[in-house]
Amino acid sequence: MLTKLLEIGMITPPIGMNVFVIKSVVGKLVTTAQVFRGIFWFLIMDLFVLFLLMTFPDIILFLPGLG
């Protein structure tokens, strides 16, 4: 779950490091605002996955439980 929270933190303002990496790769083809708008659906899905992991913690513990 910590990894998912870090992932959300890397794509959302005010820091959004991954967004600025993408912006530097594409250069002047797109604006920073366009890149932030582009991550919207990824953010929605990350929040949905986070909700699932908090609601059903057995999802996280499934593979360790097999051993």
Foldseek 3Di string as FASTA:
>chain_A
DVVLVVVLVCCDPDHVVVLVVVCVVVDPPDDSVVSNVVCVVVNVVSVVVVVVCVVDVVVVVVVVVVD
